[in-house]
Amino acid sequence: MIVSVPESNANHVAYKSGMSQWCANCHLDYLLSEHRGLSGFEHPADHGLENDIVTQYEIYNGTLDPTGATASSSSLAAVPFEDAGNTINGSLGPTPSSTVFCLTCHRAQASSGPRSGRWDFNVTSLGQDGVVSGSYALPNPYPDPNQDPLCYKCHESGSDRSAFDPNVPDIGQ
């Protein structure tokens, strides 16, 4: 009998490296878009994280406690990053050598969210997830139904959200 344990911050996939290249087997244009100067897809993949992103990820503990996390317990399974030191039960936040990758924001062919998102990119709070798109609500990793979108795990609240373009076509289109 196979027992499946739900993903949690204490039991999750340990992404080490190479996932964006795996995604590029079918979705090469997304990975190469920044190199080709294509518009509409603004978020880079496979780049080391800038210090301000690392700091934001490490301190962000949700809308109710935006600066309450610590580096030693900041890992959020819902917003993973690649790092050679990741473990399945690791709780450490990223370092400047960690990378954002496709599955930081998207799920691999298994999400009710638009564009295979880990959350609905069109909502202003996770309590609206599933309502705006008409899909199933995705799990909110925080207790607050008014939780801001998970973009803020890496990007400061109030930052320019124009990089998160809701008009980008669904993956596979």
C-alpha atoms as a PDB file:
ATOM      1  CA  MET A   1       0.000   0.000   0.000  1.00  0.00           C
ATOM      2  CA  ILE A   2       1.322   3.393  -0.988  1.00  0.00           C
ATOM      3  CA  VAL A   3       0.667   6.116   1.546  1.00  0.00           C
ATOM      4  CA  SER A   4       0.611   9.636   0.195  1.00  0.00           C
ATOM      5  CA  VAL A   5       1.457  12.443   2.590  1.00  0.00           C
ATOM      6  CA  PRO A   6       0.223  15.911   1.598  1.00  0.00           C
ATOM      7  CA  GLU A   7       2.844  18.498   0.774  1.00  0.00           C
ATOM      8  CA  SER A   8       3.616  20.818   3.668  1.00  0.00           C
ATOM      9  CA  ASN A   9       6.397  23.150   4.716  1.00  0.00           C
ATOM     10  CA  ALA A  10       7.908  20.200   6.609  1.00  0.00           C
ATOM     11  CA  ASN A  11       7.458  17.642   3.788  1.00  0.00           C
ATOM     12  CA  HIS A  12       7.926  18.891   0.239  1.00  0.00           C
ATOM     13  CA  VAL A  13       9.792  18.364  -3.000  1.00  0.00           C
ATOM     14  CA  ALA A  14      13.484  19.316  -2.765  1.00  0.00           C
ATOM     15  CA  TYR A  15      14.126  21.132  -6.035  1.00  0.00           C
ATOM     16  CA  LYS A  16      17.882  21.186  -6.538  1.00  0.00           C
ATOM     17  CA  SER A  17      18.475  22.178 -10.183  1.00  0.00           C
ATOM     18  CA  GLY A  18      17.394  21.672 -13.775  1.00  0.00           C
ATOM     19  CA  MET A  19      13.621  21.970 -13.534  1.00  0.00           C
ATOM     20  CA  SER A  20      13.298  24.921 -15.913  1.00  0.00           C
ATOM     21  CA  GLN A  21      15.311  22.992 -18.485  1.00  0.00           C
ATOM     22  CA  TRP A  22      12.931  20.053 -18.000  1.00  0.00           C
ATOM     23  CA  CYS A  23       9.942  22.385 -18.542  1.00  0.00           C
ATOM     24  CA  ALA A  24      11.669  23.775 -21.646  1.00  0.00           C
ATOM     25  CA  ASN A  25      11.411  20.364 -23.305  1.00  0.00           C
ATOM     26  CA  CYS A  26       7.855  21.407 -24.172  1.00  0.00           C
ATOM     27  CA  HIS A  27       7.799  25.123 -23.337  1.00  0.00           C
ATOM     28  CA  LEU A  28      11.105  26.368 -24.740  1.00  0.00           C
ATOM     29  CA  ASP A  29       9.720  29.755 -25.808  1.00  0.00           C
ATOM     30  CA  TYR A  30       8.986  30.685 -22.194  1.00  0.00           C
ATOM     31  CA  LEU A  31      12.500  29.958 -21.024  1.00  0.00           C
ATOM     32  CA  LEU A  32      14.078  31.758 -23.972  1.00  0.00           C
ATOM     33  CA  SER A  33      11.660  34.703 -24.133  1.00  0.00           C
ATOM     34  CA  GLU A  34      13.877  37.090 -22.187  1.00  0.00           C
ATOM     35  CA  HIS A  35      16.812  36.287 -24.477  1.00  0.00           C
ATOM     36  CA  ARG A  36      14.714  36.963 -27.559  1.00  0.00           C
ATOM     37  CA  GLY A  37      13.205  40.214 -26.282  1.00  0.00           C
ATOM     38  CA  LEU A  38       9.650  38.866 -26.461  1.00  0.00           C
ATOM     39  CA  SER A  39       7.066  40.921 -24.622  1.00  0.00           C
ATOM     40  CA  GLY A  40       4.401  39.556 -22.318  1.00  0.00           C
ATOM     41  CA  PHE A  41       6.563  37.238 -20.258  1.00  0.00           C
ATOM     42  CA  GLU A  42       8.453  39.320 -17.769  1.00  0.00           C
ATOM     43  CA  HIS A  43       9.682  36.922 -15.109  1.00  0.00           C
ATOM     44  CA  PRO A  44      13.155  35.437 -15.613  1.00  0.00           C
ATOM     45  CA  ALA A  45      13.962  31.859 -14.685  1.00  0.00           C
ATOM     46  CA  ASP A  46      17.263  30.217 -13.833  1.00  0.00           C
ATOM     47  CA  HIS A  47      18.925  33.306 -12.413  1.00  0.00           C
ATOM     48  CA  GLY A  48      20.477  33.632  -8.993  1.00  0.00           C
ATOM     49  CA  LEU A  49      18.295  35.600  -6.616  1.00  0.00           C
ATOM     50  CA  GLU A  50      19.145  39.212  -5.890  1.00  0.00           C
ATOM     51  CA  ASN A  51      19.854  40.047  -2.247  1.00  0.00           C
ATOM     52  CA  ASP A  52      16.626  42.045  -1.833  1.00  0.00           C
ATOM     53  CA  ILE A  53      14.582  39.060  -3.091  1.00  0.00           C
ATOM     54  CA  VAL A  54      16.400  36.711  -0.684  1.00  0.00           C
ATOM     55  CA  THR A  55      15.740  39.107   2.207  1.00  0.00           C
ATOM     56  CA  GLN A  56      12.057  39.540   1.306  1.00  0.00           C
ATOM     57  CA  TYR A  57      11.548  35.759   1.010  1.00  0.00           C
ATOM     58  CA  GLU A  58      13.284  35.201   4.357  1.00  0.00           C
ATOM     59  CA  ILE A  59      11.234  37.737   6.339  1.00  0.00           C
ATOM     60  CA  TYR A  60       7.785  37.479   4.703  1.00  0.00           C
ATOM     61  CA  ASN A  61       5.384  35.480   6.854  1.00  0.00           C
ATOM     62  CA  GLY A  62       2.117  36.460   5.195  1.00  0.00           C
ATOM     63  CA  THR A  63      -0.036  39.569   5.059  1.00  0.00           C
ATOM     64  CA  LEU A  64      -0.731  39.505   8.800  1.00  0.00           C
ATOM     65  CA  ASP A  65       2.982  39.228   9.655  1.00  0.00           C
ATOM     66  CA  PRO A  66       4.985  40.574   6.680  1.00  0.00           C
ATOM     67  CA  THR A  67       8.318  40.673   8.501  1.00  0.00           C
ATOM     68  CA  GLY A  68       7.928  37.870  11.064  1.00  0.00           C
ATOM     69  CA  ALA A  69       9.718  34.951   9.421  1.00  0.00           C
ATOM     70  CA  THR A  70      13.362  34.085   9.919  1.00  0.00           C
ATOM     71  CA  ALA A  71      15.851  32.679   7.429  1.00  0.00           C
ATOM     72  CA  SER A  72      15.939  29.366   9.281  1.00  0.00           C
ATOM     73  CA  SER A  73      12.181  28.820   8.959  1.00  0.00           C
ATOM     74  CA  SER A  74      11.123  30.806   5.911  1.00  0.00           C
ATOM     75  CA  SER A  75      10.823  28.069   3.277  1.00  0.00           C
ATOM     76  CA  LEU A  76       7.276  27.965   1.906  1.00  0.00           C
ATOM     77  CA  ALA A  77       6.355  24.836  -0.071  1.00  0.00           C
ATOM     78  CA  ALA A  78       3.818  26.880  -2.064  1.00  0.00           C
ATOM     79  CA  VAL A  79       6.638  29.126  -3.382  1.00  0.00           C
ATOM     80  CA  PRO A  80       9.653  26.844  -3.901  1.00  0.00           C
ATOM     81  CA  PHE A  81      13.087  27.749  -5.207  1.00  0.00           C
ATOM     82  CA  GLU A  82      15.959  25.701  -6.580  1.00  0.00           C
ATOM     83  CA  ASP A  83      19.043  25.234  -4.455  1.00  0.00           C
ATOM     84  CA  ALA A  84      21.613  22.434  -4.395  1.00  0.00           C
ATOM     85  CA  GLY A  85      21.235  22.294  -0.596  1.00  0.00           C
ATOM     86  CA  ASN A  86      17.451  21.764  -0.553  1.00  0.00           C
ATOM     87  CA  THR A  87      16.095  18.763   1.375  1.00  0.00           C
ATOM     88  CA  ILE A  88      12.573  17.309   1.524  1.00  0.00           C
ATOM     89  CA  ASN A  89      12.095  18.532   5.070  1.00  0.00           C
ATOM     90  CA  GLY A  90      14.231  21.677   4.827  1.00  0.00           C
ATOM     91  CA  SER A  91      12.949  24.936   6.225  1.00  0.00           C
ATOM     92  CA  LEU A  92      15.771  27.285   5.217  1.00  0.00           C
ATOM     93  CA  GLY A  93      15.048  30.191   2.942  1.00  0.00           C
ATOM     94  CA  PRO A  94      16.949  30.832  -0.290  1.00  0.00           C
ATOM     95  CA  THR A  95      20.455  32.206  -0.716  1.00  0.00           C
ATOM     96  CA  PRO A  96      21.828  34.368  -3.558  1.00  0.00           C
ATOM     97  CA  SER A  97      22.866  31.132  -5.310  1.00  0.00           C
ATOM     98  CA  SER A  98      19.266  29.833  -5.199  1.00  0.00           C
ATOM     99  CA  THR A  99      17.179  30.335  -8.332  1.00  0.00           C
ATOM    100  CA  VAL A 100      13.614  31.107  -9.238  1.00  0.00           C
ATOM    101  CA  PHE A 101      12.374  28.537 -11.745  1.00  0.00           C
ATOM    102  CA  CYS A 102       9.182  27.710 -13.619  1.00  0.00           C
ATOM    103  CA  LEU A 103       7.671  25.777 -10.715  1.00  0.00           C
ATOM    104  CA  THR A 104       8.200  28.662  -8.297  1.00  0.00           C
ATOM    105  CA  CYS A 105       4.949  30.130  -9.623  1.00  0.00           C
ATOM    106  CA  HIS A 106       3.452  27.330 -11.745  1.00  0.00           C
ATOM    107  CA  ARG A 107       2.574  23.675 -11.236  1.00  0.00           C
ATOM    108  CA  ALA A 108       3.575  21.071 -13.771  1.00  0.00           C
ATOM    109  CA  GLN A 109       0.362  20.246 -15.652  1.00  0.00           C
ATOM    110  CA  ALA A 110      -1.618  19.954 -12.426  1.00  0.00           C
ATOM    111  CA  SER A 111      -3.405  23.080 -11.261  1.00  0.00           C
ATOM    112  CA  SER A 112      -6.910  24.441 -11.376  1.00  0.00           C
ATOM    113  CA  GLY A 113      -5.382  27.926 -11.432  1.00  0.00           C
ATOM    114  CA  PRO A 114      -5.186  29.880 -14.688  1.00  0.00           C
ATOM    115  CA  ARG A 115      -1.901  29.363 -16.548  1.00  0.00           C
ATOM    116  CA  SER A 116      -1.155  26.380 -14.277  1.00  0.00           C
ATOM    117  CA  GLY A 117      -0.498  28.789 -11.435  1.00  0.00           C
ATOM    118  CA  ARG A 118       0.236  27.811  -7.872  1.00  0.00           C
ATOM    119  CA  TRP A 119      -2.333  30.557  -7.140  1.00  0.00           C
ATOM    120  CA  ASP A 120      -4.662  32.581  -9.350  1.00  0.00           C
ATOM    121  CA  PHE A 121      -2.486  35.404 -10.657  1.00  0.00           C
ATOM    122  CA  ASN A 122      -5.585  37.579 -11.260  1.00  0.00           C
ATOM    123  CA  VAL A 123      -6.727  37.858  -7.634  1.00  0.00           C
ATOM    124  CA  THR A 124      -5.897  40.531  -5.101  1.00  0.00           C
ATOM    125  CA  SER A 125      -6.293  38.126  -2.158  1.00  0.00           C
ATOM    126  CA  LEU A 126      -6.067  34.351  -1.902  1.00  0.00           C
ATOM    127  CA  GLY A 127      -9.604  34.310  -0.497  1.00  0.00           C
ATOM    128  CA  GLN A 128     -10.728  35.122  -4.055  1.00  0.00           C
ATOM    129  CA  ASP A 129      -8.799  32.176  -5.483  1.00  0.00           C
ATOM    130  CA  GLY A 130     -11.120  29.996  -7.551  1.00  0.00           C
ATOM    131  CA  VAL A 131     -13.902  32.592  -7.460  1.00  0.00           C
ATOM    132  CA  VAL A 132     -12.426  34.930 -10.103  1.00  0.00           C
ATOM    133  CA  SER A 133     -11.391  32.151 -12.483  1.00  0.00           C
ATOM    134  CA  GLY A 134     -14.348  29.864 -11.805  1.00  0.00           C
ATOM    135  CA  SER A 135     -11.940  27.061 -10.902  1.00  0.00           C
ATOM    136  CA  TYR A 136     -11.327  25.206  -7.678  1.00  0.00           C
ATOM    137  CA  ALA A 137      -9.726  27.274  -4.947  1.00  0.00           C
ATOM    138  CA  LEU A 138      -6.072  26.427  -4.392  1.00  0.00           C
ATOM    139  CA  PRO A 139      -4.780  25.986  -0.842  1.00  0.00           C
ATOM    140  CA  ASN A 140      -3.821  29.141   1.007  1.00  0.00           C
ATOM    141  CA  PRO A 141      -0.665  28.417   3.050  1.00  0.00           C
ATOM    142  CA  TYR A 142      -1.516  31.240   5.471  1.00  0.00           C
ATOM    143  CA  PRO A 143      -4.457  31.492   7.927  1.00  0.00           C
ATOM    144  CA  ASP A 144      -5.702  34.842   6.567  1.00  0.00           C
ATOM    145  CA  PRO A 145      -8.330  34.597   3.771  1.00  0.00           C
ATOM    146  CA  ASN A 146      -7.340  38.174   2.861  1.00  0.00           C
ATOM    147  CA  GLN A 147      -3.766  37.005   2.242  1.00  0.00           C
ATOM    148  CA  ASP A 148      -2.117  38.893  -0.614  1.00  0.00           C
ATOM    149  CA  PRO A 149      -1.067  36.821  -3.645  1.00  0.00           C
ATOM    150  CA  LEU A 150       2.043  34.748  -3.086  1.00  0.00           C
ATOM    151  CA  CYS A 151       4.072  37.048  -5.367  1.00  0.00           C
ATOM    152  CA  TYR A 152       4.818  38.945  -2.155  1.00  0.00           C
ATOM    153  CA  LYS A 153       6.868  36.087  -0.746  1.00  0.00           C
ATOM    154  CA  CYS A 154       9.607  37.411  -3.072  1.00  0.00           C
ATOM    155  CA  HIS A 155       8.377  40.895  -4.013  1.00  0.00           C
ATOM    156  CA  GLU A 156       7.612  43.602  -1.463  1.00  0.00           C
ATOM    157  CA  SER A 157       3.979  44.523  -1.008  1.00  0.00           C
ATOM    158  CA  GLY A 158       3.234  47.592  -3.068  1.00  0.00           C
ATOM    159  CA  SER A 159       5.909  46.725  -5.629  1.00  0.00           C
ATOM    160  CA  ASP A 160       5.179  47.182  -9.296  1.00  0.00           C
ATOM    161  CA  ARG A 161       2.890  44.284 -10.215  1.00  0.00           C
ATOM    162  CA  SER A 162       3.013  45.108 -13.929  1.00  0.00           C
ATOM    163  CA  ALA A 163       5.634  42.369 -14.290  1.00  0.00           C
ATOM    164  CA  PHE A 164       2.917  39.885 -13.357  1.00  0.00           C
ATOM    165  CA  ASP A 165       1.035  40.335 -16.609  1.00  0.00           C
ATOM    166  CA  PRO A 166      -2.418  38.645 -16.490  1.00  0.00           C
ATOM    167  CA  ASN A 167      -2.575  38.786 -20.289  1.00  0.00           C
ATOM    168  CA  VAL A 168       0.227  36.279 -20.766  1.00  0.00           C
ATOM    169  CA  PRO A 169      -1.304  33.266 -22.537  1.00  0.00           C
ATOM    170  CA  ASP A 170      -1.791  29.967 -20.773  1.00  0.00           C
ATOM    171  CA  ILE A 171       1.203  27.635 -20.935  1.00  0.00           C
ATOM    172  CA  GLY A 172       0.791  25.419 -23.946  1.00  0.00           C
ATOM    173  CA  GLN A 173      -1.103  27.940 -26.054  1.00  0.00           C
END
